[in-house]
Amino acid sequence: MKPAFSVSRATGALVLALLTAMLPAAARQELNSIAAVVNGKVITTSELQEARQATEQMIRLTVRPGADLEKQLAEARTKALDQLIERELVLYEFNKLGGTVKPSMIEEDIKKIIRERFDGDRDKLISELKKTGMTLSKFEDLRKKMISLQVMRAQQGRDIVYATPEDVERAYEKNKDAMRSPGTVEVRMITIANDLPGSSEDGLPVIGSTPGQKEKLAREIHAKLKAGADFAEMAKKYSDDPKASEGGYRGVISVDDKEFNKSLIPVAFSLDTGEISELLPLSGGEGKPVSSFLILKADKRVKGPPPTLDDPKVKEAMQNAALAELREAAVKKWVDHLIKKAQIKKY
């Protein structure tokens, strides 16, 4: 059975045309900017843009900074329309079943976000929302929709409670590289000191001597490195640390290295062999200005061996991963069915 509000594409287009003819020119132009029609419901490009911005804001507020954050943001941008269509279809099913989200669930959800992302400070969340023009009320409404979606998705996989040994093995093969021990990184580093004057042979200041010029110099060096310049040669020419003459070579480090700057270890271990970091401003202390700009390069990244499935903890984790994958497949099948029976037109 089709949803009660479903109309044909022709009828939806006719209604839109009649409405358009009754509006002023400026309003007609905005209304004519259609992203999609889903079961007769028009989704405008402005609605799509708002949904994209809201989704990005939600991701930034609920996912900690890192590679996963950037991955989710990129996916949200490229799949925004498909995700909006899917959301509308799933929310319709939720409402059709008489689903409700209790205010207490929304309150607990937001308390969790405040606790985990804003150190328990509600004002910090509100301040972050204001940066993108979002009110707390709007954020609560978005979280309500997210909870509704999560409930409907969970229902589709609730009957899947067992993963076969083959499922577990597949999950292990897919995830084993991510479970490897950190291993080691062979590192080079360029330091552009923000508080050291550059000078010519006669002692006069040269370009790159003031803090603003130092940052400009650091950015130019970083751009050249990204374009393929030799790191060791650039370090010898520009770096302001004792290892400059050695091409910035800092040796092989481990995650518990006692000599390498502790704050830079996560950056070093995020790099693959041959990869260059982003430009890293280093502060002289809390509340103090940037003291230097750093650039790291991983000459060689050696990861440790992966754990085996003989480890009970690893086996349990892979069983859970396999179950999650099976449930996600069930959700995808259900959503694909909703899309197949819906009337959707993209523009």
C-alpha atoms as a PDB file:
ATOM      1  CA  MET A   1       0.000   0.000   0.000  1.00  0.00           C
ATOM      2  CA  LYS A   2       1.309   3.452  -0.914  1.00  0.00           C
ATOM      3  CA  PRO A   3       1.489   6.183   1.762  1.00  0.00           C
ATOM      4  CA  ALA A   4      -1.720   8.195   2.098  1.00  0.00           C
ATOM      5  CA  PHE A   5      -0.068  11.401   0.908  1.00  0.00           C
ATOM      6  CA  SER A   6       1.471   9.833  -2.209  1.00  0.00           C
ATOM      7  CA  VAL A   7       0.553  11.505  -5.510  1.00  0.00           C
ATOM      8  CA  SER A   8       1.737  10.936  -9.044  1.00  0.00           C
ATOM      9  CA  ARG A   9       4.685  12.873 -10.395  1.00  0.00           C
ATOM     10  CA  ALA A  10       2.385  14.600 -12.883  1.00  0.00           C
ATOM     11  CA  THR A  11      -0.017  15.696 -10.131  1.00  0.00           C
ATOM     12  CA  GLY A  12       2.876  16.920  -7.968  1.00  0.00           C
ATOM     13  CA  ALA A  13       4.256  18.900 -10.897  1.00  0.00           C
ATOM     14  CA  LEU A  14       0.834  20.419 -11.638  1.00  0.00           C
ATOM     15  CA  VAL A  15       0.333  21.538  -8.044  1.00  0.00           C
ATOM     16  CA  LEU A  16       3.805  23.061  -8.023  1.00  0.00           C
ATOM     17  CA  ALA A  17       3.128  24.860 -11.295  1.00  0.00           C
ATOM     18  CA  LEU A  18      -0.142  26.352  -9.996  1.00  0.00           C
ATOM     19  CA  LEU A  19       1.493  27.503  -6.785  1.00  0.00           C
ATOM     20  CA  THR A  20       4.385  28.990  -8.716  1.00  0.00           C
ATOM     21  CA  ALA A  21       2.116  31.017 -10.992  1.00  0.00           C
ATOM     22  CA  MET A  22       0.483  32.695  -7.969  1.00  0.00           C
ATOM     23  CA  LEU A  23       3.769  33.927  -6.463  1.00  0.00           C
ATOM     24  CA  PRO A  24       5.866  37.064  -7.153  1.00  0.00           C
ATOM     25  CA  ALA A  25       8.812  36.648  -9.526  1.00  0.00           C
ATOM     26  CA  ALA A  26      11.462  36.489  -6.779  1.00  0.00           C
ATOM     27  CA  ALA A  27       9.509  33.882  -4.850  1.00  0.00           C
ATOM     28  CA  ARG A  28       8.867  31.898  -8.037  1.00  0.00           C
ATOM     29  CA  GLN A  29      12.590  31.785  -8.727  1.00  0.00           C
ATOM     30  CA  GLU A  30      13.312  30.412  -5.248  1.00  0.00           C
ATOM     31  CA  LEU A  31      10.468  27.889  -5.388  1.00  0.00           C
ATOM     32  CA  ASN A  32      11.544  26.716  -8.840  1.00  0.00           C
ATOM     33  CA  SER A  33      14.909  25.733  -7.376  1.00  0.00           C
ATOM     34  CA  ILE A  34      13.882  22.142  -6.743  1.00  0.00           C
ATOM     35  CA  ALA A  35      16.281  19.486  -5.530  1.00  0.00           C
ATOM     36  CA  ALA A  36      13.833  16.563  -5.535  1.00  0.00           C
ATOM     37  CA  VAL A  37      10.196  15.493  -5.246  1.00  0.00           C
ATOM     38  CA  VAL A  38       9.557  12.582  -2.875  1.00  0.00           C
ATOM     39  CA  ASN A  39       6.071  11.058  -2.901  1.00  0.00           C
ATOM     40  CA  GLY A  40       4.710  14.392  -4.024  1.00  0.00           C
ATOM     41  CA  LYS A  41       6.644  16.391  -1.412  1.00  0.00           C
ATOM     42  CA  VAL A  42       8.945  19.026  -2.887  1.00  0.00           C
ATOM     43  CA  ILE A  43      12.449  19.363  -1.459  1.00  0.00           C
ATOM     44  CA  THR A  44      13.944  22.722  -2.444  1.00  0.00           C
ATOM     45  CA  THR A  45      17.636  23.463  -2.789  1.00  0.00           C
ATOM     46  CA  SER A  46      17.384  25.794   0.182  1.00  0.00           C
ATOM     47  CA  GLU A  47      15.999  22.922   2.279  1.00  0.00           C
ATOM     48  CA  LEU A  48      18.826  20.730   1.013  1.00  0.00           C
ATOM     49  CA  GLN A  49      21.409  23.366   1.941  1.00  0.00           C
ATOM     50  CA  GLU A  50      19.874  23.768   5.392  1.00  0.00           C
ATOM     51  CA  ALA A  51      19.856  19.999   5.904  1.00  0.00           C
ATOM     52  CA  ARG A  52      23.485  19.753   4.763  1.00  0.00           C
ATOM     53  CA  GLN A  53      24.574  22.484   7.170  1.00  0.00           C
ATOM     54  CA  ALA A  54      22.565  20.951  10.023  1.00  0.00           C
ATOM     55  CA  THR A  55      24.087  17.526   9.354  1.00  0.00           C
ATOM     56  CA  GLU A  56      27.614  18.935   9.306  1.00  0.00           C
ATOM     57  CA  GLN A  57      26.920  20.798  12.549  1.00  0.00           C
ATOM     58  CA  MET A  58      25.556  17.608  14.122  1.00  0.00           C
ATOM     59  CA  ILE A  59      28.648  15.661  13.077  1.00  0.00           C
ATOM     60  CA  ARG A  60      31.000  18.327  14.443  1.00  0.00           C
ATOM     61  CA  LEU A  61      29.157  18.336  17.769  1.00  0.00           C
ATOM     62  CA  THR A  62      29.007  14.561  18.203  1.00  0.00           C
ATOM     63  CA  VAL A  63      32.232  13.262  16.602  1.00  0.00           C
ATOM     64  CA  ARG A  64      35.635  14.044  18.042  1.00  0.00           C
ATOM     65  CA  PRO A  65      38.199  15.721  15.735  1.00  0.00           C
ATOM     66  CA  GLY A  66      40.236  13.310  13.641  1.00  0.00           C
ATOM     67  CA  ALA A  67      40.196  11.282  10.460  1.00  0.00           C
ATOM     68  CA  ASP A  68      36.737   9.843  11.167  1.00  0.00           C
ATOM     69  CA  LEU A  69      35.303  13.351  11.556  1.00  0.00           C
ATOM     70  CA  GLU A  70      36.649  14.476   8.174  1.00  0.00           C
ATOM     71  CA  LYS A  71      35.440  11.266   6.543  1.00  0.00           C
ATOM     72  CA  GLN A  72      31.912  11.736   7.868  1.00  0.00           C
ATOM     73  CA  LEU A  73      31.870  15.408   6.840  1.00  0.00           C
ATOM     74  CA  ALA A  74      32.974  14.553   3.302  1.00  0.00           C
ATOM     75  CA  GLU A  75      30.324  11.855   3.041  1.00  0.00           C
ATOM     76  CA  ALA A  76      27.643  14.230   4.342  1.00  0.00           C
ATOM     77  CA  ARG A  77      28.517  16.777   1.647  1.00  0.00           C
ATOM     78  CA  THR A  78      28.543  14.355  -1.271  1.00  0.00           C
ATOM     79  CA  LYS A  79      25.505  12.333  -0.217  1.00  0.00           C
ATOM     80  CA  ALA A  80      23.384  15.108   1.262  1.00  0.00           C
ATOM     81  CA  LEU A  81      20.393  14.744  -1.096  1.00  0.00           C
ATOM     82  CA  ASP A  82      20.257  10.944  -0.881  1.00  0.00           C
ATOM     83  CA  GLN A  83      20.493  11.135   2.904  1.00  0.00           C
ATOM     84  CA  LEU A  84      17.722  13.740   3.063  1.00  0.00           C
ATOM     85  CA  ILE A  85      15.450  11.597   0.886  1.00  0.00           C
ATOM     86  CA  GLU A  86      16.208   8.540   3.008  1.00  0.00           C
ATOM     87  CA  ARG A  87      15.519  10.510   6.179  1.00  0.00           C
ATOM     88  CA  GLU A  88      12.141  11.690   4.913  1.00  0.00           C
ATOM     89  CA  LEU A  89      11.106   8.152   3.957  1.00  0.00           C
ATOM     90  CA  VAL A  90      12.187   6.631   7.282  1.00  0.00           C
ATOM     91  CA  LEU A  91      10.561   9.424   9.328  1.00  0.00           C
ATOM     92  CA  TYR A  92       7.332   8.879   7.402  1.00  0.00           C
ATOM     93  CA  GLU A  93       7.398   5.187   8.369  1.00  0.00           C
ATOM     94  CA  PHE A  94       8.122   6.144  11.984  1.00  0.00           C
ATOM     95  CA  ASN A  95       5.141   8.519  12.118  1.00  0.00           C
ATOM     96  CA  LYS A  96       2.909   6.043  10.270  1.00  0.00           C
ATOM     97  CA  LEU A  97       3.555   3.527  13.058  1.00  0.00           C
ATOM     98  CA  GLY A  98       2.630   6.135  15.648  1.00  0.00           C
ATOM     99  CA  GLY A  99       6.197   6.449  16.914  1.00  0.00           C
ATOM    100  CA  THR A 100       7.041   9.103  19.479  1.00  0.00           C
ATOM    101  CA  VAL A 101      10.202  10.322  21.148  1.00  0.00           C
ATOM    102  CA  LYS A 102       9.797  11.248  24.792  1.00  0.00           C
ATOM    103  CA  PRO A 103      11.186  14.651  25.844  1.00  0.00           C
ATOM    104  CA  SER A 104      13.261  12.872  28.502  1.00  0.00           C
ATOM    105  CA  MET A 105      15.075  10.893  25.763  1.00  0.00           C
ATOM    106  CA  ILE A 106      16.007  14.095  23.954  1.00  0.00           C
ATOM    107  CA  GLU A 107      17.133  15.695  27.202  1.00  0.00           C
ATOM    108  CA  GLU A 108      19.353  12.730  28.092  1.00  0.00           C
ATOM    109  CA  ASP A 109      20.768  12.645  24.556  1.00  0.00           C
ATOM    110  CA  ILE A 110      21.767  16.320  24.720  1.00  0.00           C
ATOM    111  CA  LYS A 111      23.151  15.929  28.248  1.00  0.00           C
ATOM    112  CA  LYS A 112      25.396  13.158  26.924  1.00  0.00           C
ATOM    113  CA  ILE A 113      26.670  15.392  24.107  1.00  0.00           C
ATOM    114  CA  ILE A 114      27.352  18.214  26.576  1.00  0.00           C
ATOM    115  CA  ARG A 115      29.140  15.844  28.923  1.00  0.00           C
ATOM    116  CA  GLU A 116      31.300  14.146  26.269  1.00  0.00           C
ATOM    117  CA  ARG A 117      32.058  17.055  23.932  1.00  0.00           C
ATOM    118  CA  PHE A 118      31.782  20.193  26.090  1.00  0.00           C
ATOM    119  CA  ASP A 119      33.079  19.099  29.496  1.00  0.00           C
ATOM    120  CA  GLY A 120      29.568  19.288  30.943  1.00  0.00           C
ATOM    121  CA  ASP A 121      29.215  22.996  30.106  1.00  0.00           C
ATOM    122  CA  ARG A 122      25.813  23.702  28.498  1.00  0.00           C
ATOM    123  CA  ASP A 123      26.836  27.270  27.634  1.00  0.00           C
ATOM    124  CA  LYS A 124      29.685  25.951  25.474  1.00  0.00           C
ATOM    125  CA  LEU A 125      27.195  23.956  23.393  1.00  0.00           C
ATOM    126  CA  ILE A 126      24.935  26.986  22.971  1.00  0.00           C
ATOM    127  CA  SER A 127      27.917  29.125  21.989  1.00  0.00           C
ATOM    128  CA  GLU A 128      28.986  26.564  19.383  1.00  0.00           C
ATOM    129  CA  LEU A 129      25.458  26.433  17.970  1.00  0.00           C
ATOM    130  CA  LYS A 130      25.330  30.215  17.664  1.00  0.00           C
ATOM    131  CA  LYS A 131      28.388  30.176  15.417  1.00  0.00           C
ATOM    132  CA  THR A 132      26.247  28.627  12.679  1.00  0.00           C
ATOM    133  CA  GLY A 133      23.026  30.431  13.573  1.00  0.00           C
ATOM    134  CA  MET A 134      21.364  27.388  15.118  1.00  0.00           C
ATOM    135  CA  THR A 135      19.179  27.692  18.205  1.00  0.00           C
ATOM    136  CA  LEU A 136      19.053  25.117  20.982  1.00  0.00           C
ATOM    137  CA  SER A 137      15.407  24.479  20.083  1.00  0.00           C
ATOM    138  CA  LYS A 138      16.376  23.687  16.477  1.00  0.00           C
ATOM    139  CA  PHE A 139      19.160  21.428  17.692  1.00  0.00           C
ATOM    140  CA  GLU A 140      16.726  19.560  19.943  1.00  0.00           C
ATOM    141  CA  ASP A 141      14.396  19.054  16.977  1.00  0.00           C
ATOM    142  CA  LEU A 142      17.260  17.648  14.908  1.00  0.00           C
ATOM    143  CA  ARG A 143      18.242  15.285  17.702  1.00  0.00           C
ATOM    144  CA  LYS A 144      14.613  14.158  17.951  1.00  0.00           C
ATOM    145  CA  LYS A 145      14.692  13.218  14.275  1.00  0.00           C
ATOM    146  CA  MET A 146      18.033  11.451  14.714  1.00  0.00           C
ATOM    147  CA  ILE A 147      16.648   9.381  17.601  1.00  0.00           C
ATOM    148  CA  SER A 148      13.582   8.493  15.486  1.00  0.00           C
ATOM    149  CA  LEU A 149      15.869   7.315  12.681  1.00  0.00           C
ATOM    150  CA  GLN A 150      17.994   5.280  15.098  1.00  0.00           C
ATOM    151  CA  VAL A 151      14.892   3.575  16.520  1.00  0.00           C
ATOM    152  CA  MET A 152      13.627   2.590  13.063  1.00  0.00           C
ATOM    153  CA  ARG A 153      17.031   1.340  11.954  1.00  0.00           C
ATOM    154  CA  ALA A 154      17.481  -0.677  15.150  1.00  0.00           C
ATOM    155  CA  GLN A 155      14.128  -2.394  14.590  1.00  0.00           C
ATOM    156  CA  GLN A 156      15.261  -3.734  11.221  1.00  0.00           C
ATOM    157  CA  GLY A 157      18.241  -5.554  12.731  1.00  0.00           C
ATOM    158  CA  ARG A 158      16.819  -6.616  16.085  1.00  0.00           C
ATOM    159  CA  ASP A 159      16.234 -10.229  14.974  1.00  0.00           C
ATOM    160  CA  ILE A 160      19.860 -10.713  13.909  1.00  0.00           C
ATOM    161  CA  VAL A 161      21.539 -12.121  17.016  1.00  0.00           C
ATOM    162  CA  TYR A 162      24.063 -14.592  15.602  1.00  0.00           C
ATOM    163  CA  ALA A 163      27.131 -14.305  13.369  1.00  0.00           C
ATOM    164  CA  THR A 164      28.610 -17.415  11.768  1.00  0.00           C
ATOM    165  CA  PRO A 165      32.342 -18.229  12.080  1.00  0.00           C
ATOM    166  CA  GLU A 166      32.660 -17.177   8.417  1.00  0.00           C
ATOM    167  CA  ASP A 167      31.059 -13.808   9.226  1.00  0.00           C
ATOM    168  CA  VAL A 168      33.501 -13.338  12.106  1.00  0.00           C
ATOM    169  CA  GLU A 169      36.471 -14.254   9.909  1.00  0.00           C
ATOM    170  CA  ARG A 170      35.402 -11.739   7.270  1.00  0.00           C
ATOM    171  CA  ALA A 171      35.063  -9.043   9.918  1.00  0.00           C
ATOM    172  CA  TYR A 172      38.545  -9.879  11.206  1.00  0.00           C
ATOM    173  CA  GLU A 173      40.124  -9.668   7.733  1.00  0.00           C
ATOM    174  CA  LYS A 174      38.428  -6.304   7.176  1.00  0.00           C
ATOM    175  CA  ASN A 175      39.529  -4.839  10.517  1.00  0.00           C
ATOM    176  CA  LYS A 176      42.849  -6.487  11.324  1.00  0.00           C
ATOM    177  CA  ASP A 177      45.016  -3.691   9.900  1.00  0.00           C
ATOM    178  CA  ALA A 178      43.253  -1.169  12.123  1.00  0.00           C
ATOM    179  CA  MET A 179      44.012  -3.378  15.144  1.00  0.00           C
ATOM    180  CA  ARG A 180      47.753  -3.529  14.568  1.00  0.00           C
ATOM    181  CA  SER A 181      49.938  -2.203  17.357  1.00  0.00           C
ATOM    182  CA  PRO A 182      51.310   1.303  16.597  1.00  0.00           C
ATOM    183  CA  GLY A 183      54.849   0.129  15.797  1.00  0.00           C
ATOM    184  CA  THR A 184      57.338   2.885  14.965  1.00  0.00           C
ATOM    185  CA  VAL A 185      57.798   5.990  12.807  1.00  0.00           C
ATOM    186  CA  GLU A 186      61.054   7.317  11.373  1.00  0.00           C
ATOM    187  CA  VAL A 187      60.578  11.084  11.569  1.00  0.00           C
ATOM    188  CA  ARG A 188      61.975  14.290  10.128  1.00  0.00           C
ATOM    189  CA  MET A 189      60.914  17.730  11.332  1.00  0.00           C
ATOM    190  CA  ILE A 190      61.241  21.346  10.215  1.00  0.00           C
ATOM    191  CA  THR A 191      60.916  24.075  12.830  1.00  0.00           C
ATOM    192  CA  ILE A 192      60.263  27.711  11.921  1.00  0.00           C
ATOM    193  CA  ALA A 193      60.676  29.662  15.150  1.00  0.00           C
ATOM    194  CA  ASN A 194      58.200  32.515  15.462  1.00  0.00           C
ATOM    195  CA  ASP A 195      60.270  34.460  17.966  1.00  0.00           C
ATOM    196  CA  LEU A 196      63.759  34.224  16.439  1.00  0.00           C
ATOM    197  CA  PRO A 197      64.888  37.071  14.156  1.00  0.00           C
ATOM    198  CA  GLY A 198      66.180  36.052  10.766  1.00  0.00           C
ATOM    199  CA  SER A 199      69.252  38.057   9.721  1.00  0.00           C
ATOM    200  CA  SER A 200      71.645  38.492   6.883  1.00  0.00           C
ATOM    201  CA  GLU A 201      75.419  38.196   7.212  1.00  0.00           C
ATOM    202  CA  ASP A 202      75.657  41.862   8.269  1.00  0.00           C
ATOM    203  CA  GLY A 203      73.086  41.314  11.035  1.00  0.00           C
ATOM    204  CA  LEU A 204      70.216  43.177   9.392  1.00  0.00           C
ATOM    205  CA  PRO A 205      66.696  41.634   9.509  1.00  0.00           C
ATOM    206  CA  VAL A 206      65.577  39.753   6.410  1.00  0.00           C
ATOM    207  CA  ILE A 207      62.247  38.554   5.096  1.00  0.00           C
ATOM    208  CA  GLY A 208      60.919  36.018   7.541  1.00  0.00           C
ATOM    209  CA  SER A 209      62.152  37.837  10.613  1.00  0.00           C
ATOM    210  CA  THR A 210      58.878  39.057  12.148  1.00  0.00           C
ATOM    211  CA  PRO A 211      56.138  36.773  13.527  1.00  0.00           C
ATOM    212  CA  GLY A 212      53.797  37.520  10.592  1.00  0.00           C
ATOM    213  CA  GLN A 213      56.555  36.954   8.083  1.00  0.00           C
ATOM    214  CA  LYS A 214      57.617  33.787   9.858  1.00  0.00           C
ATOM    215  CA  GLU A 215      54.152  32.312   9.454  1.00  0.00           C
ATOM    216  CA  LYS A 216      54.135  33.288   5.773  1.00  0.00           C
ATOM    217  CA  LEU A 217      57.536  31.653   5.344  1.00  0.00           C
ATOM    218  CA  ALA A 218      56.347  28.477   7.097  1.00  0.00           C
ATOM    219  CA  ARG A 219      53.278  28.278   4.826  1.00  0.00           C
ATOM    220  CA  GLU A 220      55.425  28.752   1.717  1.00  0.00           C
ATOM    221  CA  ILE A 221      57.791  25.979   2.849  1.00  0.00           C
ATOM    222  CA  HIS A 222      54.836  23.680   3.573  1.00  0.00           C
ATOM    223  CA  ALA A 223      53.353  24.349   0.128  1.00  0.00           C
ATOM    224  CA  LYS A 224      56.681  23.529  -1.555  1.00  0.00           C
ATOM    225  CA  LEU A 225      56.977  20.287   0.421  1.00  0.00           C
ATOM    226  CA  LYS A 226      53.449  19.280  -0.577  1.00  0.00           C
ATOM    227  CA  ALA A 227      54.426  20.013  -4.187  1.00  0.00           C
ATOM    228  CA  GLY A 228      57.367  17.596  -3.939  1.00  0.00           C
ATOM    229  CA  ALA A 229      60.339  19.579  -2.626  1.00  0.00           C
ATOM    230  CA  ASP A 230      63.026  17.536  -0.883  1.00  0.00           C
ATOM    231  CA  PHE A 231      62.287  17.613   2.857  1.00  0.00           C
ATOM    232  CA  ALA A 232      65.888  17.151   4.022  1.00  0.00           C
ATOM    233  CA  GLU A 233      67.158  19.964   1.801  1.00  0.00           C
ATOM    234  CA  MET A 234      64.381  22.304   2.935  1.00  0.00           C
ATOM    235  CA  ALA A 235      65.190  21.489   6.557  1.00  0.00           C
ATOM    236  CA  LYS A 236      68.884  22.261   6.045  1.00  0.00           C
ATOM    237  CA  LYS A 237      68.019  25.586   4.440  1.00  0.00           C
ATOM    238  CA  TYR A 238      65.201  26.857   6.643  1.00  0.00           C
ATOM    239  CA  SER A 239      64.782  24.895   9.887  1.00  0.00           C
ATOM    240  CA  ASP A 240      65.558  26.637  13.180  1.00  0.00           C
ATOM    241  CA  ASP A 241      66.416  23.609  15.309  1.00  0.00           C
ATOM    242  CA  PRO A 242      69.671  21.747  16.100  1.00  0.00           C
ATOM    243  CA  LYS A 243      68.797  18.905  13.684  1.00  0.00           C
ATOM    244  CA  ALA A 244      68.608  21.202  10.647  1.00  0.00           C
ATOM    245  CA  SER A 245      72.093  20.219   9.444  1.00  0.00           C
ATOM    246  CA  GLU A 246      70.951  16.570   9.475  1.00  0.00           C
ATOM    247  CA  GLY A 247      67.976  17.328   7.264  1.00  0.00           C
ATOM    248  CA  GLY A 248      65.643  17.515  10.238  1.00  0.00           C
ATOM    249  CA  TYR A 249      66.147  13.799  10.998  1.00  0.00           C
ATOM    250  CA  ARG A 250      64.792  12.933  14.472  1.00  0.00           C
ATOM    251  CA  GLY A 251      65.227   9.169  14.342  1.00  0.00           C
ATOM    252  CA  VAL A 252      62.808   6.318  15.002  1.00  0.00           C
ATOM    253  CA  ILE A 253      60.161   6.964  17.650  1.00  0.00           C
ATOM    254  CA  SER A 254      57.574   4.827  19.419  1.00  0.00           C
ATOM    255  CA  VAL A 255      54.283   5.894  21.004  1.00  0.00           C
ATOM    256  CA  ASP A 256      55.898   5.997  24.430  1.00  0.00           C
ATOM    257  CA  ASP A 257      59.035   7.838  23.304  1.00  0.00           C
ATOM    258  CA  LYS A 258      60.406   9.943  26.173  1.00  0.00           C
ATOM    259  CA  GLU A 259      62.476  12.402  24.143  1.00  0.00           C
ATOM    260  CA  PHE A 260      60.115  13.355  21.305  1.00  0.00           C
ATOM    261  CA  ASN A 261      57.517  16.080  21.978  1.00  0.00           C
ATOM    262  CA  LYS A 262      54.562  14.242  23.512  1.00  0.00           C
ATOM    263  CA  SER A 263      51.960  16.419  21.787  1.00  0.00           C
ATOM    264  CA  LEU A 264      53.446  15.582  18.377  1.00  0.00           C
ATOM    265  CA  ILE A 265      53.428  11.790  18.761  1.00  0.00           C
ATOM    266  CA  PRO A 266      49.766  11.369  17.640  1.00  0.00           C
ATOM    267  CA  VAL A 267      50.531  13.487  14.564  1.00  0.00           C
ATOM    268  CA  ALA A 268      53.596  11.425  13.681  1.00  0.00           C
ATOM    269  CA  PHE A 269      51.681   8.154  14.029  1.00  0.00           C
ATOM    270  CA  SER A 270      48.857   9.432  11.848  1.00  0.00           C
ATOM    271  CA  LEU A 271      51.240   9.648   8.874  1.00  0.00           C
ATOM    272  CA  ASP A 272      51.994   6.921   6.348  1.00  0.00           C
ATOM    273  CA  THR A 273      55.421   6.411   4.814  1.00  0.00           C
ATOM    274  CA  GLY A 274      56.445   9.517   2.843  1.00  0.00           C
ATOM    275  CA  GLU A 275      53.505  11.581   4.078  1.00  0.00           C
ATOM    276  CA  ILE A 276      53.904  15.169   5.276  1.00  0.00           C
ATOM    277  CA  SER A 277      51.850  16.638   8.115  1.00  0.00           C
ATOM    278  CA  GLU A 278      49.826  19.812   8.021  1.00  0.00           C
ATOM    279  CA  LEU A 279      51.511  22.984   9.252  1.00  0.00           C
ATOM    280  CA  LEU A 280      51.481  22.733  13.050  1.00  0.00           C
ATOM    281  CA  PRO A 281      51.485  25.910  15.164  1.00  0.00           C
ATOM    282  CA  LEU A 282      53.120  25.257  18.542  1.00  0.00           C
ATOM    283  CA  SER A 283      52.196  27.523  21.447  1.00  0.00           C
ATOM    284  CA  GLY A 284      54.672  28.612  24.076  1.00  0.00           C
ATOM    285  CA  GLY A 285      52.088  27.698  26.735  1.00  0.00           C
ATOM    286  CA  GLU A 286      48.453  28.218  27.632  1.00  0.00           C
ATOM    287  CA  GLY A 287      47.345  31.729  26.687  1.00  0.00           C
ATOM    288  CA  LYS A 288      50.653  32.466  25.006  1.00  0.00           C
ATOM    289  CA  PRO A 289      51.203  33.210  21.290  1.00  0.00           C
ATOM    290  CA  VAL A 290      52.536  30.712  18.769  1.00  0.00           C
ATOM    291  CA  SER A 291      56.228  30.135  19.410  1.00  0.00           C
ATOM    292  CA  SER A 292      56.986  28.097  16.284  1.00  0.00           C
ATOM    293  CA  PHE A 293      55.565  26.344  13.238  1.00  0.00           C
ATOM    294  CA  LEU A 294      56.389  22.681  12.740  1.00  0.00           C
ATOM    295  CA  ILE A 295      56.185  20.295   9.786  1.00  0.00           C
ATOM    296  CA  LEU A 296      56.672  16.534  10.203  1.00  0.00           C
ATOM    297  CA  LYS A 297      57.474  13.868   7.648  1.00  0.00           C
ATOM    298  CA  ALA A 298      57.296  10.104   8.111  1.00  0.00           C
ATOM    299  CA  ASP A 299      60.323   8.693   6.327  1.00  0.00           C
ATOM    300  CA  LYS A 300      59.152   5.208   7.215  1.00  0.00           C
ATOM    301  CA  ARG A 301      56.054   3.964   9.028  1.00  0.00           C
ATOM    302  CA  VAL A 302      56.247   0.428  10.385  1.00  0.00           C
ATOM    303  CA  LYS A 303      53.112  -0.947  12.000  1.00  0.00           C
ATOM    304  CA  GLY A 304      53.202  -3.785  14.480  1.00  0.00           C
ATOM    305  CA  PRO A 305      51.568  -7.177  13.869  1.00  0.00           C
ATOM    306  CA  PRO A 306      47.789  -7.541  14.186  1.00  0.00           C
ATOM    307  CA  PRO A 307      46.335  -9.542  17.089  1.00  0.00           C
ATOM    308  CA  THR A 308      44.954 -12.988  16.281  1.00  0.00           C
ATOM    309  CA  LEU A 309      41.417 -14.331  16.576  1.00  0.00           C
ATOM    310  CA  ASP A 310      42.717 -16.659  19.284  1.00  0.00           C
ATOM    311  CA  ASP A 311      42.612 -13.699  21.638  1.00  0.00           C
ATOM    312  CA  PRO A 312      39.190 -13.882  23.372  1.00  0.00           C
ATOM    313  CA  LYS A 313      38.828 -10.089  23.429  1.00  0.00           C
ATOM    314  CA  VAL A 314      39.602  -9.830  19.713  1.00  0.00           C
ATOM    315  CA  LYS A 315      37.163 -12.632  18.915  1.00  0.00           C
ATOM    316  CA  GLU A 316      34.407 -10.941  20.913  1.00  0.00           C
ATOM    317  CA  ALA A 317      35.084  -7.613  19.192  1.00  0.00           C
ATOM    318  CA  MET A 318      34.937  -9.262  15.757  1.00  0.00           C
ATOM    319  CA  GLN A 319      31.704 -11.067  16.628  1.00  0.00           C
ATOM    320  CA  ASN A 320      30.193  -7.698  17.520  1.00  0.00           C
ATOM    321  CA  ALA A 321      31.597  -6.172  14.322  1.00  0.00           C
ATOM    322  CA  ALA A 322      30.127  -9.008  12.253  1.00  0.00           C
ATOM    323  CA  LEU A 323      26.734  -8.573  13.906  1.00  0.00           C
ATOM    324  CA  ALA A 324      26.831  -4.838  13.273  1.00  0.00           C
ATOM    325  CA  GLU A 325      27.625  -5.461   9.603  1.00  0.00           C
ATOM    326  CA  LEU A 326      24.782  -7.971   9.237  1.00  0.00           C
ATOM    327  CA  ARG A 327      22.344  -5.576  10.888  1.00  0.00           C
ATOM    328  CA  GLU A 328      23.503  -2.726   8.692  1.00  0.00           C
ATOM    329  CA  ALA A 329      22.903  -4.929   5.642  1.00  0.00           C
ATOM    330  CA  ALA A 330      19.355  -5.581   6.871  1.00  0.00           C
ATOM    331  CA  VAL A 331      18.783  -1.846   7.321  1.00  0.00           C
ATOM    332  CA  LYS A 332      20.098  -1.130   3.808  1.00  0.00           C
ATOM    333  CA  LYS A 333      17.774  -3.758   2.337  1.00  0.00           C
ATOM    334  CA  TRP A 334      14.807  -2.176   4.135  1.00  0.00           C
ATOM    335  CA  VAL A 335      15.724   1.359   3.045  1.00  0.00           C
ATOM    336  CA  ASP A 336      16.238   0.179  -0.546  1.00  0.00           C
ATOM    337  CA  HIS A 337      12.700  -1.251  -0.391  1.00  0.00           C
ATOM    338  CA  LEU A 338      11.334   2.096   0.833  1.00  0.00           C
ATOM    339  CA  ILE A 339      13.115   3.887  -2.002  1.00  0.00           C
ATOM    340  CA  LYS A 340      11.903   1.362  -4.580  1.00  0.00           C
ATOM    341  CA  LYS A 341       8.227   1.745  -3.659  1.00  0.00           C
ATOM    342  CA  ALA A 342       8.445   5.553  -3.305  1.00  0.00           C
ATOM    343  CA  GLN A 343       7.986   8.024  -6.116  1.00  0.00           C
ATOM    344  CA  ILE A 344      11.220  10.015  -6.285  1.00  0.00           C
ATOM    345  CA  LYS A 345      12.406  12.521  -8.830  1.00  0.00           C
ATOM    346  CA  LYS A 346      15.775  14.231  -8.509  1.00  0.00           C
ATOM    347  CA  TYR A 347      16.616  17.485 -10.294  1.00  0.00           C
END
